[in-house]
Amino acid sequence: MSERPLRIHNDDFRLQMRGIVKAFPGTVALDHVDFDLRSGEVHALVGQNGAGKSTLIRILAGIYPMDQGQILLDGKELPGLTPQTSHRLGMRFIHQELNLIPWFSVAENIVLGDRYPKGMLRTIRWKSLFGKASKVLKKLGVDINPRKSVQELSIGQQWIVAIARALYSEGSVVVMDEPTASLSRKEVQELFQVVRSLQQSGTSIIYISHRLEEIFEIAQRVTVLKDGHRILTTEVGKTSAKELASSMIGRSLADRFPRTDRAREPGPVVLSVSGLSMEDRLHNVSFELREGEILGLAGLVGSGRTEVANALFGTQPYTSGEIRIEGKAVRVGSPTEAIRHGVALVPEERRAQGLVLTMTVRENATLANLRRFTTAPWFPLLSRKKETKSTREMIRSLSIQTSGLGQLIEYLSGGNQQKVVLGKWLMGKSKVMIFDEPTRGIDVGSKFEIYKIVKTLAAQGVGILYISSELEELVGVCDRIMVLRHGKSVKELTSGETTVHDVLNQCYGG
């Protein structure tokens, strides 16, 4: 059983933000928002993408100047913050994309940004460096070799290194942005133990997460932002996940998953996989997927779910096995071949694998199907008119929030970025769509929209392979669930006749 979060009742405020206002051209990002943080407290900050969380944190980091408001640290007003003064005052920010140097050692990354211990000849005193790092790691209660290269660590251990760096540099306020988005349940618990150690040393933590269940495990208070307004601040023991979700999206979440009445049952087999194997990662995996069906893939980290997706899309070679699409045997050796056969992949890492962040919404939307947008079949010159028309239709049909077709994709919220990834494949009329963790790092309202799109695609006859670490999601969205364990398919479950406990039990060995 997981530990209950510590209870903080004092009014010893480490940080106070009062009446914060921030406007950008055409929008008010924050409208007189209040937020405070007590000494030794974990205060969760939640809200949909675009609610104002990032803007509030960037003001605290000194990246954005506030238009109005007041910020106090230990009771003293801060007249103007810059990134340099924010750091000097003890505020540390750990982002989703960890700012670590992979080929450096753990110790070097922990001390990075501060002065390395040096000898008389200005050479680095490595023994002292490793000793200082070991002392910090020991204080957090973790056993990580400070001499080890960061690239050899798991994502969970890398998060702990980032926290150790904040502790080493004497951070009194630490902001964690989606720390568990890519972690297994075991890694989450290990991270929470480190957070509790940090908290007991008196460090105050702002914890940003879309996983509402974690709020009740690690935080003492929670603040909900919506459309630039503070909707709610309360102790976690006085609220519920349902109340938080309703505050975030402005409506009840009695039904987490959309209900759709299908006009027809799943059609003929659109994808058949037999004996799929990949060195030591996949072993004789076989299954069938029908038109209009949603087949879920469940399994622990390392079970082979993503390897199945990569093999079908041609991004990882498989050593043996047969793939048939609409009854025809095909050999998928590259994404180009997969696309030609009607297979699409919405990847786990949308920013790194599904989008080109320096390109516009229009360019990203049409990138996977450029042949459709040429001026003529015999003249391979892109037609801006065709691109614009199709992209506008996509934005309208998927309700993508963007300032225009020319907006850079990196400035969209996570949910809207994911909709663009979906939209570019919808333009290609795919027969099989593979979704690999499609709602990771997305707020609860945007998740519901993604579920609706998946259900609509299935109703239109698309065969969908759906991979998720959230078992409630698999049970709520899929028709069938295939459980993978150690690279093997071990059990098939029918969603309407199974529970989350049943799926979890199979994942761990039945």
Protein backbone atom coordinates (compact mmCIF):
# COMPACT_ATOMS: atom_id res chain seq x y z
CA MET A 1 0.00 0.00 0.00
CA SER A 2 1.35 3.43 -0.90
CA GLU A 3 2.15 5.97 1.79
CA ARG A 4 -0.27 8.79 2.57
CA PRO A 5 1.00 12.26 1.72
CA LEU A 6 2.38 14.33 4.57
CA ARG A 7 -0.05 16.80 6.12
CA ILE A 8 1.01 20.45 6.24
CA HIS A 9 -1.19 22.75 8.35
CA ASN A 10 1.06 25.74 9.03
CA ASP A 11 0.77 29.05 7.24
CA ASP A 12 4.54 29.47 6.94
CA PHE A 13 4.47 30.52 3.30
CA ARG A 14 7.67 30.04 1.36
CA LEU A 15 6.20 31.55 -1.83
CA GLN A 16 3.20 33.81 -2.47
CA MET A 17 1.92 34.92 -5.88
CA ARG A 18 -0.89 37.46 -5.64
CA GLY A 19 -3.18 38.81 -8.37
CA ILE A 20 -0.94 37.69 -11.24
CA VAL A 21 -2.04 39.05 -14.62
CA LYS A 22 -0.42 38.20 -17.95
CA ALA A 23 -1.82 39.03 -21.39
CA PHE A 24 -0.59 38.16 -24.86
CA PRO A 25 -1.90 39.63 -28.12
CA GLY A 26 -5.51 38.47 -28.41
CA THR A 27 -5.68 36.53 -25.13
CA VAL A 28 -5.42 36.90 -21.36
CA ALA A 29 -3.32 33.96 -20.17
CA LEU A 30 -3.65 34.73 -16.44
CA ASP A 31 -6.41 36.83 -14.89
CA HIS A 32 -5.63 37.85 -11.27
CA VAL A 33 -4.37 34.40 -10.25
CA ASP A 34 -3.34 33.66 -6.65
CA PHE A 35 -1.00 30.81 -5.74
CA ASP A 36 1.01 30.10 -2.61
CA LEU A 37 3.40 27.44 -1.39
CA ARG A 38 4.19 26.50 2.21
CA SER A 39 7.55 25.42 3.56
CA GLY A 40 8.08 21.67 3.10
CA GLU A 41 4.88 21.28 1.08
CA VAL A 42 4.01 19.55 -2.18
CA HIS A 43 1.39 21.76 -3.87
CA ALA A 44 -0.07 20.30 -7.06
CA LEU A 45 -0.93 22.59 -9.98
CA VAL A 46 -3.41 21.09 -12.45
CA GLY A 47 -5.51 22.20 -15.41
CA GLN A 48 -6.12 21.50 -19.06
CA ASN A 49 -3.53 22.37 -21.68
CA GLY A 50 -3.81 26.13 -22.15
CA ALA A 51 -5.20 26.72 -18.64
CA GLY A 52 -2.26 28.98 -17.69
CA LYS A 53 0.01 26.61 -15.75
CA SER A 54 3.04 27.11 -17.99
CA THR A 55 2.60 30.89 -18.06
CA LEU A 56 2.47 31.05 -14.26
CA ILE A 57 5.63 28.94 -13.95
CA ARG A 58 7.46 30.98 -16.60
CA ILE A 59 6.69 34.15 -14.66
CA LEU A 60 8.15 32.52 -11.57
CA ALA A 61 11.23 31.48 -13.59
CA GLY A 62 11.71 35.06 -14.80
CA ILE A 63 11.08 34.13 -18.45
CA TYR A 64 7.89 36.23 -18.71
CA PRO A 65 7.39 39.53 -16.91
CA MET A 66 3.98 39.80 -15.22
CA ASP A 67 1.68 42.66 -16.22
CA GLN A 68 0.22 43.00 -12.73
CA GLY A 69 0.59 41.26 -9.41
CA GLN A 70 2.96 40.61 -6.57
CA ILE A 71 5.44 37.80 -5.81
CA LEU A 72 6.84 37.27 -2.31
CA LEU A 73 9.55 34.80 -1.28
CA ASP A 74 9.86 34.18 2.49
CA GLY A 75 7.75 37.30 3.02
CA LYS A 76 9.95 39.61 0.92
CA GLU A 77 8.53 41.09 -2.27
CA LEU A 78 10.43 40.39 -5.49
CA PRO A 79 10.15 43.50 -7.68
CA GLY A 80 11.31 41.88 -10.93
CA LEU A 81 12.45 38.39 -11.79
CA THR A 82 14.91 37.26 -14.43
CA PRO A 83 16.14 33.68 -14.97
CA GLN A 84 19.36 34.63 -13.19
CA THR A 85 17.69 36.17 -10.12
CA SER A 86 15.16 33.33 -9.93
CA HIS A 87 18.00 30.80 -9.79
CA ARG A 88 19.96 32.89 -7.31
CA LEU A 89 16.91 33.00 -5.01
CA GLY A 90 16.77 29.18 -4.93
CA MET A 91 14.06 28.37 -7.46
CA ARG A 92 14.72 25.26 -9.57
CA PHE A 93 12.72 24.00 -12.55
CA ILE A 94 12.75 20.37 -13.72
CA HIS A 95 11.01 20.10 -17.09
CA GLN A 96 9.63 17.05 -18.91
CA GLU A 97 12.58 17.19 -21.29
CA LEU A 98 15.30 16.69 -18.67
CA ASN A 99 18.19 19.08 -19.12
CA LEU A 100 20.90 16.47 -18.58
CA ILE A 101 24.03 15.74 -20.63
CA PRO A 102 23.75 12.00 -21.41
CA TRP A 103 27.46 11.28 -21.92
CA PHE A 104 28.44 13.02 -18.66
CA SER A 105 28.57 11.08 -15.40
CA VAL A 106 25.85 11.31 -12.75
CA ALA A 107 28.20 13.39 -10.56
CA GLU A 108 29.03 15.83 -13.36
CA ASN A 109 25.33 16.38 -14.08
CA ILE A 110 24.54 16.95 -10.41
CA VAL A 111 27.25 19.62 -10.05
CA LEU A 112 26.55 21.10 -13.51
CA GLY A 113 25.85 24.82 -13.28
CA ASP A 114 27.84 25.19 -10.07
CA ARG A 115 31.56 25.31 -9.59
CA TYR A 116 33.40 22.01 -9.93
CA PRO A 117 35.84 21.42 -7.04
CA LYS A 118 39.32 22.27 -8.34
CA GLY A 119 42.87 21.88 -7.10
CA MET A 120 45.78 24.29 -7.04
CA LEU A 121 46.43 23.95 -10.77
CA ARG A 122 42.73 24.57 -11.56
CA THR A 123 42.24 20.91 -12.45
CA ILE A 124 39.03 19.17 -11.42
CA ARG A 125 39.27 17.22 -8.15
CA TRP A 126 37.35 14.16 -9.29
CA LYS A 127 37.44 12.38 -5.94
CA SER A 128 35.84 15.39 -4.29
CA LEU A 129 33.32 15.71 -7.12
CA PHE A 130 32.15 12.10 -6.80
CA GLY A 131 32.10 12.44 -3.00
CA LYS A 132 29.83 15.50 -3.10
CA ALA A 133 27.45 13.76 -5.53
CA SER A 134 27.35 10.61 -3.36
CA LYS A 135 26.47 12.71 -0.33
CA VAL A 136 23.49 14.29 -2.12
CA LEU A 137 22.23 10.94 -3.47
CA LYS A 138 22.55 9.39 -0.02
CA LYS A 139 20.54 12.26 1.45
CA LEU A 140 17.75 11.38 -1.01
CA GLY A 141 17.95 7.73 0.02
CA VAL A 142 18.87 6.33 -3.41
CA ASP A 143 21.62 3.99 -4.56
CA ILE A 144 22.93 5.36 -7.87
CA ASN A 145 26.61 5.11 -8.82
CA PRO A 146 27.82 8.73 -9.26
CA ARG A 147 30.48 7.55 -11.73
CA LYS A 148 27.93 6.02 -14.08
CA SER A 149 27.04 7.73 -17.35
CA VAL A 150 23.55 9.29 -17.36
CA GLN A 151 22.69 7.58 -20.66
CA GLU A 152 22.99 4.22 -18.86
CA LEU A 153 20.23 5.14 -16.40
CA SER A 154 16.49 4.57 -16.69
CA ILE A 155 14.22 7.58 -17.15
CA GLY A 156 13.17 7.30 -13.51
CA GLN A 157 16.79 7.41 -12.34
CA GLN A 158 17.46 10.40 -14.61
CA TRP A 159 14.63 12.26 -12.86
CA ILE A 160 16.27 11.49 -9.52
CA VAL A 161 19.57 12.90 -10.83
CA ALA A 162 17.76 16.11 -11.85
CA ILE A 163 16.25 16.35 -8.34
CA ALA A 164 19.68 15.71 -6.81
CA ARG A 165 21.05 18.62 -8.83
CA ALA A 166 18.33 20.89 -7.45
CA LEU A 167 19.21 19.78 -3.91
CA TYR A 168 22.96 20.18 -4.49
CA SER A 169 22.48 23.75 -5.72
CA GLU A 170 20.43 24.52 -2.58
CA GLY A 171 17.05 24.94 -4.23
CA SER A 172 14.35 25.94 -1.75
CA VAL A 173 11.50 25.84 -4.31
CA VAL A 174 11.48 23.02 -6.89
CA VAL A 175 9.00 22.88 -9.78
CA MET A 176 8.41 19.43 -11.32
CA ASP A 177 6.62 19.37 -14.68
CA GLU A 178 5.02 15.99 -15.49
CA PRO A 179 7.72 13.96 -13.71
CA THR A 180 5.98 10.59 -14.14
CA ALA A 181 4.81 10.87 -17.76
CA SER A 182 7.29 8.24 -19.02
CA LEU A 183 7.77 6.16 -15.85
CA SER A 184 6.61 2.68 -14.89
CA ARG A 185 4.59 2.27 -11.70
CA LYS A 186 7.67 1.00 -9.84
CA GLU A 187 9.70 4.02 -10.99
CA VAL A 188 6.86 6.33 -9.91
CA GLN A 189 6.98 4.92 -6.37
CA GLU A 190 10.77 5.29 -6.27
CA LEU A 191 10.45 8.90 -7.42
CA PHE A 192 7.78 9.60 -4.80
CA GLN A 193 10.13 8.33 -2.08
CA VAL A 194 12.75 10.82 -3.28
CA VAL A 195 10.17 13.63 -3.34
CA ARG A 196 9.22 12.81 0.26
CA SER A 197 12.90 12.90 1.28
CA LEU A 198 13.25 16.28 -0.41
CA GLN A 199 10.12 17.52 1.33
CA GLN A 200 11.26 16.36 4.76
CA SER A 201 14.45 18.40 4.31
CA GLY A 202 12.24 21.50 4.09
CA THR A 203 12.17 21.94 0.30
CA SER A 204 8.88 23.22 -1.15
CA ILE A 205 7.63 21.58 -4.34
CA ILE A 206 5.21 22.65 -7.07
CA TYR A 207 4.02 19.45 -8.73
CA ILE A 208 2.44 19.67 -12.20
CA SER A 209 0.69 16.54 -13.48
CA HIS A 210 -2.21 15.38 -15.65
CA ARG A 211 -2.44 12.16 -13.63
CA LEU A 212 -5.01 13.12 -11.02
CA GLU A 213 -4.61 9.90 -9.02
CA GLU A 214 -1.00 10.90 -8.23
CA ILE A 215 -2.15 14.17 -6.66
CA PHE A 216 -3.78 12.27 -3.80
CA GLU A 217 -0.67 10.18 -3.23
CA ILE A 218 2.04 12.83 -3.11
CA ALA A 219 0.53 16.32 -2.62
CA GLN A 220 -0.95 18.10 0.40
CA ARG A 221 -2.83 20.79 -1.53
CA VAL A 222 -3.99 21.26 -5.10
CA THR A 223 -4.83 24.31 -7.21
CA VAL A 224 -6.93 24.08 -10.38
CA LEU A 225 -6.51 26.61 -13.21
CA LYS A 226 -8.98 26.99 -16.08
CA ASP A 227 -8.82 29.52 -18.92
CA GLY A 228 -6.37 31.69 -16.97
CA HIS A 229 -8.45 31.74 -13.75
CA ARG A 230 -7.88 30.04 -10.43
CA ILE A 231 -10.94 27.84 -9.95
CA LEU A 232 -10.06 25.96 -6.79
CA THR A 233 -7.41 25.63 -4.08
CA THR A 234 -7.98 22.96 -1.42
CA GLU A 235 -6.35 20.27 0.67
CA VAL A 236 -6.30 16.96 -1.18
CA GLY A 237 -8.17 15.25 1.65
CA LYS A 238 -11.14 17.56 1.09
CA THR A 239 -11.66 16.88 -2.62
CA SER A 240 -11.86 14.01 -5.11
CA ALA A 241 -10.60 13.18 -8.58
CA LYS A 242 -14.14 13.70 -9.91
CA GLU A 243 -14.33 17.20 -8.41
CA LEU A 244 -10.90 18.15 -9.75
CA ALA A 245 -11.77 16.88 -13.25
CA SER A 246 -15.08 18.75 -13.24
CA SER A 247 -13.30 21.95 -12.12
CA MET A 248 -10.73 21.57 -14.89
CA ILE A 249 -13.14 21.09 -17.80
CA GLY A 250 -16.26 22.84 -16.49
CA ARG A 251 -18.53 19.81 -16.73
CA SER A 252 -19.14 16.51 -14.99
CA LEU A 253 -17.04 13.49 -15.83
CA ALA A 254 -19.57 10.85 -14.88
CA ASP A 255 -18.54 9.08 -18.09
CA ARG A 256 -14.77 9.15 -18.60
CA PHE A 257 -15.09 7.48 -21.98
CA PRO A 258 -17.48 8.40 -24.82
CA ARG A 259 -20.27 6.02 -25.58
CA THR A 260 -20.87 5.27 -29.23
CA ASP A 261 -23.62 3.19 -30.77
CA ARG A 262 -22.00 1.38 -33.65
CA ALA A 263 -24.00 1.05 -36.83
CA ARG A 264 -22.38 -2.33 -37.54
CA GLU A 265 -20.22 -5.04 -36.04
CA PRO A 266 -16.49 -5.23 -36.92
CA GLY A 267 -15.97 -6.26 -40.54
CA PRO A 268 -13.52 -8.65 -42.21
CA VAL A 269 -9.90 -9.03 -41.05
CA VAL A 270 -7.87 -6.03 -42.17
CA LEU A 271 -4.59 -6.95 -40.44
CA SER A 272 -3.28 -10.43 -39.72
CA VAL A 273 -0.01 -10.99 -37.85
CA SER A 274 1.43 -14.49 -37.50
CA GLY A 275 4.60 -15.58 -35.67
CA LEU A 276 6.07 -12.07 -35.42
CA SER A 277 9.51 -12.23 -33.80
CA MET A 278 12.29 -9.68 -33.19
CA GLU A 279 15.60 -10.96 -31.81
CA ASP A 280 15.19 -11.06 -28.00
CA ARG A 281 12.24 -8.67 -27.90
CA LEU A 282 9.31 -10.45 -29.60
CA HIS A 283 8.60 -14.17 -29.69
CA ASN A 284 5.98 -15.61 -32.03
CA VAL A 285 3.32 -12.91 -31.56
CA SER A 286 0.11 -13.57 -33.50
CA PHE A 287 -3.23 -11.75 -33.69
CA GLU A 288 -5.95 -10.49 -36.04
CA LEU A 289 -7.51 -7.04 -36.32
CA ARG A 290 -10.85 -6.45 -38.05
CA GLU A 291 -12.26 -3.41 -39.80
CA GLY A 292 -13.92 -1.11 -37.29
CA GLU A 293 -12.35 -2.86 -34.29
CA ILE A 294 -10.21 -1.41 -31.50
CA LEU A 295 -7.68 -3.97 -30.25
CA GLY A 296 -5.74 -2.96 -27.14
CA LEU A 297 -2.20 -4.03 -26.33
CA ALA A 298 -1.48 -4.29 -22.60
CA GLY A 299 1.73 -5.14 -20.80
CA LEU A 300 4.40 -3.86 -18.44
CA VAL A 301 7.36 -1.78 -19.58
CA GLY A 302 9.52 -4.07 -21.75
CA SER A 303 6.66 -6.42 -22.60
CA GLY A 304 7.03 -5.76 -26.35
CA ARG A 305 4.06 -3.48 -27.04
CA THR A 306 6.03 -0.70 -28.74
CA GLU A 307 8.15 -3.27 -30.62
CA VAL A 308 4.96 -4.65 -32.21
CA ALA A 309 4.00 -1.13 -33.31
CA ASN A 310 7.48 -0.40 -34.69
CA ALA A 311 7.62 -3.70 -36.59
CA LEU A 312 4.25 -3.03 -38.23
CA PHE A 313 5.31 0.50 -39.20
CA GLY A 314 8.78 -0.49 -40.41
CA THR A 315 10.83 1.47 -37.88
CA GLN A 316 12.31 -1.70 -36.32
CA PRO A 317 13.11 -4.79 -38.41
CA TYR A 318 11.49 -8.06 -37.41
CA THR A 319 13.45 -11.30 -37.86
CA SER A 320 10.56 -13.60 -38.77
CA GLY A 321 6.80 -13.73 -39.10
CA GLU A 322 4.11 -12.83 -41.61
CA ILE A 323 2.05 -9.65 -41.94
CA ARG A 324 -1.09 -9.62 -44.10
CA ILE A 325 -3.15 -6.54 -44.90
CA GLU A 326 -6.61 -7.27 -46.31
CA GLY A 327 -5.44 -10.83 -46.94
CA LYS A 328 -2.34 -9.88 -48.91
CA ALA A 329 1.08 -10.80 -47.52
CA VAL A 330 3.32 -7.72 -47.26
CA ARG A 331 6.86 -7.07 -46.12
CA VAL A 332 7.11 -3.82 -44.17
CA GLY A 333 10.73 -2.68 -44.20
CA SER A 334 10.27 1.07 -43.77
CA PRO A 335 7.64 3.68 -42.81
CA THR A 336 7.30 4.54 -46.52
CA GLU A 337 6.24 0.95 -47.27
CA ALA A 338 3.88 0.93 -44.27
CA ILE A 339 2.18 4.12 -45.44
CA ARG A 340 1.86 2.69 -48.95
CA HIS A 341 0.08 -0.36 -47.49
CA GLY A 342 -2.30 1.86 -45.49
CA VAL A 343 -0.67 1.59 -42.04
CA ALA A 344 -0.27 4.71 -39.87
CA LEU A 345 1.47 5.20 -36.52
CA VAL A 346 0.72 7.80 -33.85
CA PRO A 347 4.01 7.41 -31.90
CA GLU A 348 4.61 7.45 -28.18
CA GLU A 349 6.93 10.47 -28.39
CA ARG A 350 4.89 12.85 -30.53
CA ARG A 351 7.34 15.77 -30.26
CA ALA A 352 10.38 13.70 -31.24
CA GLN A 353 8.80 11.19 -33.65
CA GLY A 354 5.46 12.56 -34.84
CA LEU A 355 6.10 16.25 -35.49
CA VAL A 356 8.69 18.66 -36.87
CA LEU A 357 8.56 21.37 -34.20
CA THR A 358 10.18 24.05 -36.35
CA MET A 359 7.52 23.66 -39.07
CA THR A 360 4.01 25.10 -39.18
CA VAL A 361 0.67 23.45 -38.51
CA ARG A 362 -0.02 23.28 -42.27
CA GLU A 363 3.39 21.76 -43.07
CA ASN A 364 3.07 19.12 -40.35
CA ALA A 365 -0.48 18.26 -41.36
CA THR A 366 0.43 17.48 -44.97
CA LEU A 367 3.94 16.06 -44.49
CA ALA A 368 2.96 12.38 -44.54
CA ASN A 369 0.90 12.65 -47.75
CA LEU A 370 2.69 15.16 -49.96
CA ARG A 371 1.68 13.41 -53.17
CA ARG A 372 -1.93 14.33 -52.51
CA PHE A 373 -1.05 18.01 -52.58
CA THR A 374 0.89 18.36 -55.82
CA THR A 375 -0.39 20.63 -58.58
CA ALA A 376 -0.76 17.63 -60.90
CA PRO A 377 0.17 13.91 -60.81
CA TRP A 378 2.80 14.46 -63.50
CA PHE A 379 4.22 17.67 -61.96
CA PRO A 380 5.61 17.20 -58.40
CA LEU A 381 5.16 20.79 -57.21
CA LEU A 382 3.20 21.38 -54.00
CA SER A 383 -0.07 23.23 -54.29
CA ARG A 384 -0.43 25.69 -51.42
CA LYS A 385 -4.13 25.99 -52.24
CA LYS A 386 -4.72 22.24 -51.76
CA GLU A 387 -2.65 22.18 -48.57
CA THR A 388 -4.53 25.15 -47.12
CA LYS A 389 -7.96 23.73 -47.90
CA SER A 390 -7.25 20.31 -46.40
CA THR A 391 -5.55 21.74 -43.30
CA ARG A 392 -8.46 24.09 -42.61
CA GLU A 393 -10.86 21.16 -42.84
CA MET A 394 -8.68 19.18 -40.42
CA ILE A 395 -8.53 22.05 -37.90
CA ARG A 396 -12.28 22.47 -38.05
CA SER A 397 -13.17 18.77 -37.80
CA LEU A 398 -10.77 18.07 -34.90
CA SER A 399 -11.41 21.39 -33.09
CA ILE A 400 -7.70 22.24 -33.01
CA GLN A 401 -6.95 25.43 -31.10
CA THR A 402 -4.40 27.40 -33.11
CA SER A 403 -3.85 31.00 -34.17
CA GLY A 404 -3.63 29.91 -37.81
CA LEU A 405 -2.18 27.54 -40.36
CA GLY A 406 1.17 29.30 -40.16
CA GLN A 407 1.65 28.90 -36.40
CA LEU A 408 4.73 26.88 -35.44
CA ILE A 409 3.68 23.50 -34.07
CA GLU A 410 5.96 23.76 -31.01
CA TYR A 411 3.76 26.53 -29.58
CA LEU A 412 0.57 24.42 -29.51
CA SER A 413 -0.53 22.66 -26.33
CA GLY A 414 0.14 18.93 -26.00
CA GLY A 415 -3.45 18.02 -26.77
CA ASN A 416 -3.56 20.14 -29.92
CA GLN A 417 -0.20 18.79 -31.08
CA GLN A 418 -1.58 15.27 -30.74
CA LYS A 419 -4.63 16.24 -32.80
CA VAL A 420 -2.34 17.44 -35.61
CA VAL A 421 -0.53 14.08 -35.52
CA LEU A 422 -3.91 12.36 -35.83
CA GLY A 423 -5.06 14.74 -38.52
CA LYS A 424 -2.13 14.14 -40.84
CA TRP A 425 -2.96 10.41 -40.91
CA LEU A 426 -6.68 11.01 -41.36
CA MET A 427 -5.81 12.81 -44.60
CA GLY A 428 -4.16 9.62 -45.84
CA LYS A 429 -7.25 7.40 -45.49
CA SER A 430 -5.36 4.73 -43.54
CA LYS A 431 -6.75 1.18 -43.20
CA VAL A 432 -4.88 0.43 -39.98
CA MET A 433 -4.00 3.04 -37.35
CA ILE A 434 -1.62 2.27 -34.49
CA PHE A 435 -1.91 4.48 -31.40
CA ASP A 436 1.08 4.20 -29.03
CA GLU A 437 0.30 5.96 -25.70
CA PRO A 438 -1.89 8.57 -27.47
CA THR A 439 -3.00 10.38 -24.28
CA ARG A 440 0.34 10.55 -22.44
CA GLY A 441 0.92 14.03 -21.03
CA ILE A 442 -2.54 15.24 -22.11
CA ASP A 443 -5.14 16.76 -19.80
CA VAL A 444 -8.39 14.99 -18.94
CA GLY A 445 -10.55 17.09 -21.29
CA SER A 446 -8.27 16.54 -24.30
CA LYS A 447 -8.16 12.82 -23.50
CA PHE A 448 -11.93 12.65 -23.92
CA GLU A 449 -11.59 14.32 -27.33
CA ILE A 450 -8.92 11.79 -28.39
CA TYR A 451 -11.17 8.92 -27.29
CA LYS A 452 -14.01 10.32 -29.38
CA ILE A 453 -11.77 10.53 -32.46
CA VAL A 454 -10.64 6.92 -31.97
CA LYS A 455 -14.23 5.72 -31.59
CA THR A 456 -15.30 7.69 -34.67
CA LEU A 457 -12.49 6.21 -36.76
CA ALA A 458 -13.54 2.71 -35.71
CA ALA A 459 -17.14 3.49 -36.64
CA GLN A 460 -15.86 4.48 -40.10
CA GLY A 461 -14.25 1.04 -40.54
CA VAL A 462 -10.62 1.75 -39.62
CA GLY A 463 -8.86 -1.07 -37.76
CA ILE A 464 -7.17 0.35 -34.66
CA LEU A 465 -4.33 -1.08 -32.58
CA TYR A 466 -4.35 0.82 -29.26
CA ILE A 467 -1.36 0.71 -26.86
CA SER A 468 -1.64 2.28 -23.43
CA SER A 469 -0.11 1.93 -19.95
CA GLU A 470 -3.39 3.18 -18.44
CA LEU A 471 -5.40 0.01 -17.98
CA GLU A 472 -8.64 1.91 -17.31
CA GLU A 473 -8.19 3.46 -20.74
CA LEU A 474 -7.79 0.07 -22.43
CA VAL A 475 -10.91 -1.31 -20.75
CA GLY A 476 -12.89 1.86 -21.51
CA VAL A 477 -11.87 2.29 -25.16
CA CYS A 478 -11.07 -1.13 -26.66
CA ASP A 479 -13.21 -4.04 -27.87
CA ARG A 480 -10.56 -6.66 -27.12
CA ILE A 481 -7.30 -6.55 -25.16
CA MET A 482 -4.24 -8.69 -25.91
CA VAL A 483 -1.78 -8.97 -23.04
CA LEU A 484 1.95 -9.20 -23.81
CA ARG A 485 4.53 -10.47 -21.33
CA HIS A 486 8.27 -10.78 -22.01
CA GLY A 487 7.68 -10.35 -25.75
CA LYS A 488 4.98 -13.04 -25.97
CA SER A 489 1.20 -12.78 -26.40
CA VAL A 490 -0.15 -14.58 -23.32
CA LYS A 491 -3.86 -13.77 -23.05
CA GLU A 492 -6.73 -12.19 -24.95
CA LEU A 493 -9.57 -10.52 -23.03
CA THR A 494 -12.91 -9.09 -24.14
CA SER A 495 -13.28 -5.59 -22.72
CA GLY A 496 -16.97 -5.83 -21.87
CA GLU A 497 -16.33 -8.98 -19.86
CA THR A 498 -13.14 -7.98 -18.03
CA THR A 499 -11.92 -5.51 -15.39
CA VAL A 500 -8.76 -3.50 -14.80
CA HIS A 501 -7.82 -6.04 -12.12
CA ASP A 502 -8.10 -8.89 -14.64
CA VAL A 503 -5.78 -7.11 -17.10
CA LEU A 504 -3.27 -6.19 -14.38
CA ASN A 505 -3.28 -9.76 -13.10
CA GLN A 506 -2.38 -11.06 -16.58
CA CYS A 507 0.34 -8.42 -17.02
CA TYR A 508 2.04 -9.66 -13.85
CA GLY A 509 1.74 -13.34 -14.70
CA GLY A 510 -1.82 -14.48 -14.08
